[in-house]
Amino acid sequence: MTNEEFQKLVIEKLTSIDQEISNVKKSLVKLENEQGLKVSALFDAREVQFDTNERIFNTLNRIESKVDRMSFKSFNSYSKEQTDNKQV
């Protein structure tokens, strides 16, 4: 193998390696963009779920308050009936 042939072979290999590196960089940029979109979507979904959970907790608290008031009214009504029955 002559010196020129060796240099030509080295140049071809370096060109090939340079092209592969370029392809890898393009793939990496594409992958980073896709992952960024996915992470953003997950964050948005988390925010929506947080808001939904907050509404559910607020609704549950209102229902609990209503049940407590109804229970208290029912107990007072029952107590009054018992008192009225004792007087009769």
C-alpha atoms as a PDB file:
ATOM      1  CA  MET A   1       0.000   0.000   0.000  1.00  0.00           C
ATOM      2  CA  THR A   2       1.432   3.297  -1.029  1.00  0.00           C
ATOM      3  CA  ASN A   3       1.379   6.442   1.026  1.00  0.00           C
ATOM      4  CA  GLU A   4      -1.249   8.011  -1.250  1.00  0.00           C
ATOM      5  CA  GLU A   5      -3.501   4.967  -1.010  1.00  0.00           C
ATOM      6  CA  PHE A   6      -3.170   5.010   2.767  1.00  0.00           C
ATOM      7  CA  GLN A   7      -4.030   8.714   2.906  1.00  0.00           C
ATOM      8  CA  LYS A   8      -7.028   8.178   0.623  1.00  0.00           C
ATOM      9  CA  LEU A   9      -8.261   5.299   2.830  1.00  0.00           C
ATOM     10  CA  VAL A  10      -7.845   7.386   5.985  1.00  0.00           C
ATOM     11  CA  ILE A  11      -9.709  10.308   4.410  1.00  0.00           C
ATOM     12  CA  GLU A  12     -12.558   8.009   3.328  1.00  0.00           C
ATOM     13  CA  LYS A  13     -12.831   6.556   6.840  1.00  0.00           C
ATOM     14  CA  LEU A  14     -12.731  10.001   8.446  1.00  0.00           C
ATOM     15  CA  THR A  15     -15.428  11.215   6.042  1.00  0.00           C
ATOM     16  CA  SER A  16     -17.537   8.188   6.888  1.00  0.00           C
ATOM     17  CA  ILE A  17     -17.048   8.743  10.614  1.00  0.00           C
ATOM     18  CA  ASP A  18     -17.918  12.441  10.196  1.00  0.00           C
ATOM     19  CA  GLN A  19     -21.170  11.500   8.415  1.00  0.00           C
ATOM     20  CA  GLU A  20     -22.066   9.019  11.145  1.00  0.00           C
ATOM     21  CA  ILE A  21     -21.403  11.633  13.831  1.00  0.00           C
ATOM     22  CA  SER A  22     -23.622  14.065  11.928  1.00  0.00           C
ATOM     23  CA  ASN A  23     -26.403  11.451  11.774  1.00  0.00           C
ATOM     24  CA  VAL A  24     -26.050  10.734  15.492  1.00  0.00           C
ATOM     25  CA  LYS A  25     -26.271  14.461  16.285  1.00  0.00           C
ATOM     26  CA  LYS A  26     -29.445  14.784  14.192  1.00  0.00           C
ATOM     27  CA  SER A  27     -30.957  11.768  15.929  1.00  0.00           C
ATOM     28  CA  LEU A  28     -29.999  13.152  19.326  1.00  0.00           C
ATOM     29  CA  VAL A  29     -31.619  16.515  18.596  1.00  0.00           C
ATOM     30  CA  LYS A  30     -34.789  14.769  17.416  1.00  0.00           C
ATOM     31  CA  LEU A  31     -34.831  12.561  20.513  1.00  0.00           C
ATOM     32  CA  GLU A  32     -34.312  15.541  22.820  1.00  0.00           C
ATOM     33  CA  ASN A  33     -37.187  17.414  21.169  1.00  0.00           C
ATOM     34  CA  GLU A  34     -39.526  14.420  21.417  1.00  0.00           C
ATOM     35  CA  GLN A  35     -38.634  13.849  25.056  1.00  0.00           C
ATOM     36  CA  GLY A  36     -39.139  17.529  25.824  1.00  0.00           C
ATOM     37  CA  LEU A  37     -42.637  17.372  24.362  1.00  0.00           C
ATOM     38  CA  LYS A  38     -43.440  14.236  26.335  1.00  0.00           C
ATOM     39  CA  VAL A  39     -42.201  15.721  29.611  1.00  0.00           C
ATOM     40  CA  SER A  40     -44.222  18.859  28.927  1.00  0.00           C
ATOM     41  CA  ALA A  41     -47.331  16.765  28.254  1.00  0.00           C
ATOM     42  CA  LEU A  42     -46.810  14.831  31.482  1.00  0.00           C
ATOM     43  CA  PHE A  43     -46.447  18.061  33.433  1.00  0.00           C
ATOM     44  CA  ASP A  44     -49.656  19.426  31.885  1.00  0.00           C
ATOM     45  CA  ALA A  45     -51.490  16.203  32.698  1.00  0.00           C
ATOM     46  CA  ARG A  46     -50.225  16.408  36.275  1.00  0.00           C
ATOM     47  CA  GLU A  47     -51.560  19.952  36.597  1.00  0.00           C
ATOM     48  CA  VAL A  48     -54.963  18.900  35.240  1.00  0.00           C
ATOM     49  CA  GLN A  49     -55.064  15.959  37.659  1.00  0.00           C
ATOM     50  CA  PHE A  50     -54.116  18.250  40.538  1.00  0.00           C
ATOM     51  CA  ASP A  51     -56.994  20.600  39.672  1.00  0.00           C
ATOM     52  CA  THR A  52     -59.402  17.672  39.390  1.00  0.00           C
ATOM     53  CA  ASN A  53     -58.310  16.301  42.764  1.00  0.00           C
ATOM     54  CA  GLU A  54     -58.738  19.739  44.329  1.00  0.00           C
ATOM     55  CA  ARG A  55     -62.319  19.969  43.032  1.00  0.00           C
ATOM     56  CA  ILE A  56     -63.077  16.479  44.328  1.00  0.00           C
ATOM     57  CA  PHE A  57     -61.684  17.322  47.787  1.00  0.00           C
ATOM     58  CA  ASN A  58     -63.723  20.517  47.923  1.00  0.00           C
ATOM     59  CA  THR A  59     -66.878  18.652  46.918  1.00  0.00           C
ATOM     60  CA  LEU A  60     -66.188  15.954  49.489  1.00  0.00           C
ATOM     61  CA  ASN A  61     -65.736  18.572  52.212  1.00  0.00           C
ATOM     62  CA  ARG A  62     -69.090  20.166  51.299  1.00  0.00           C
ATOM     63  CA  ILE A  63     -70.806  16.765  51.374  1.00  0.00           C
ATOM     64  CA  GLU A  64     -69.243  15.944  54.744  1.00  0.00           C
ATOM     65  CA  SER A  65     -70.482  19.260  56.131  1.00  0.00           C
ATOM     66  CA  LYS A  66     -73.999  18.566  54.869  1.00  0.00           C
ATOM     67  CA  VAL A  67     -73.991  15.061  56.353  1.00  0.00           C
ATOM     68  CA  ASP A  68     -72.805  16.458  59.689  1.00  0.00           C
ATOM     69  CA  ARG A  69     -75.571  19.082  59.701  1.00  0.00           C
ATOM     70  CA  MET A  70     -78.192  16.503  58.758  1.00  0.00           C
ATOM     71  CA  SER A  71     -76.943  14.137  61.431  1.00  0.00           C
ATOM     72  CA  PHE A  72     -77.067  16.901  64.018  1.00  0.00           C
ATOM     73  CA  LYS A  73     -80.622  17.890  62.973  1.00  0.00           C
ATOM     74  CA  SER A  74     -81.713  14.274  63.034  1.00  0.00           C
ATOM     75  CA  PHE A  75     -80.239  13.783  66.500  1.00  0.00           C
ATOM     76  CA  ASN A  76     -81.936  16.952  67.780  1.00  0.00           C
ATOM     77  CA  SER A  77     -85.254  15.842  66.306  1.00  0.00           C
ATOM     78  CA  TYR A  78     -84.887  12.408  67.892  1.00  0.00           C
ATOM     79  CA  SER A  79     -83.974  13.943  71.254  1.00  0.00           C
ATOM     80  CA  LYS A  80     -86.997  16.215  71.114  1.00  0.00           C
ATOM     81  CA  GLU A  81     -89.260  13.252  70.349  1.00  0.00           C
ATOM     82  CA  GLN A  82     -87.856  11.333  73.296  1.00  0.00           C
ATOM     83  CA  THR A  83     -88.380  14.302  75.573  1.00  0.00           C
ATOM     84  CA  ASP A  84     -91.944  14.795  74.320  1.00  0.00           C
ATOM     85  CA  ASN A  85     -92.722  11.074  74.804  1.00  0.00           C
ATOM     86  CA  LYS A  86     -91.497  11.175  78.405  1.00  0.00           C
ATOM     87  CA  GLN A  87     -93.759  14.094  79.171  1.00  0.00           C
ATOM     88  CA  VAL A  88     -96.835  12.268  77.874  1.00  0.00           C
END
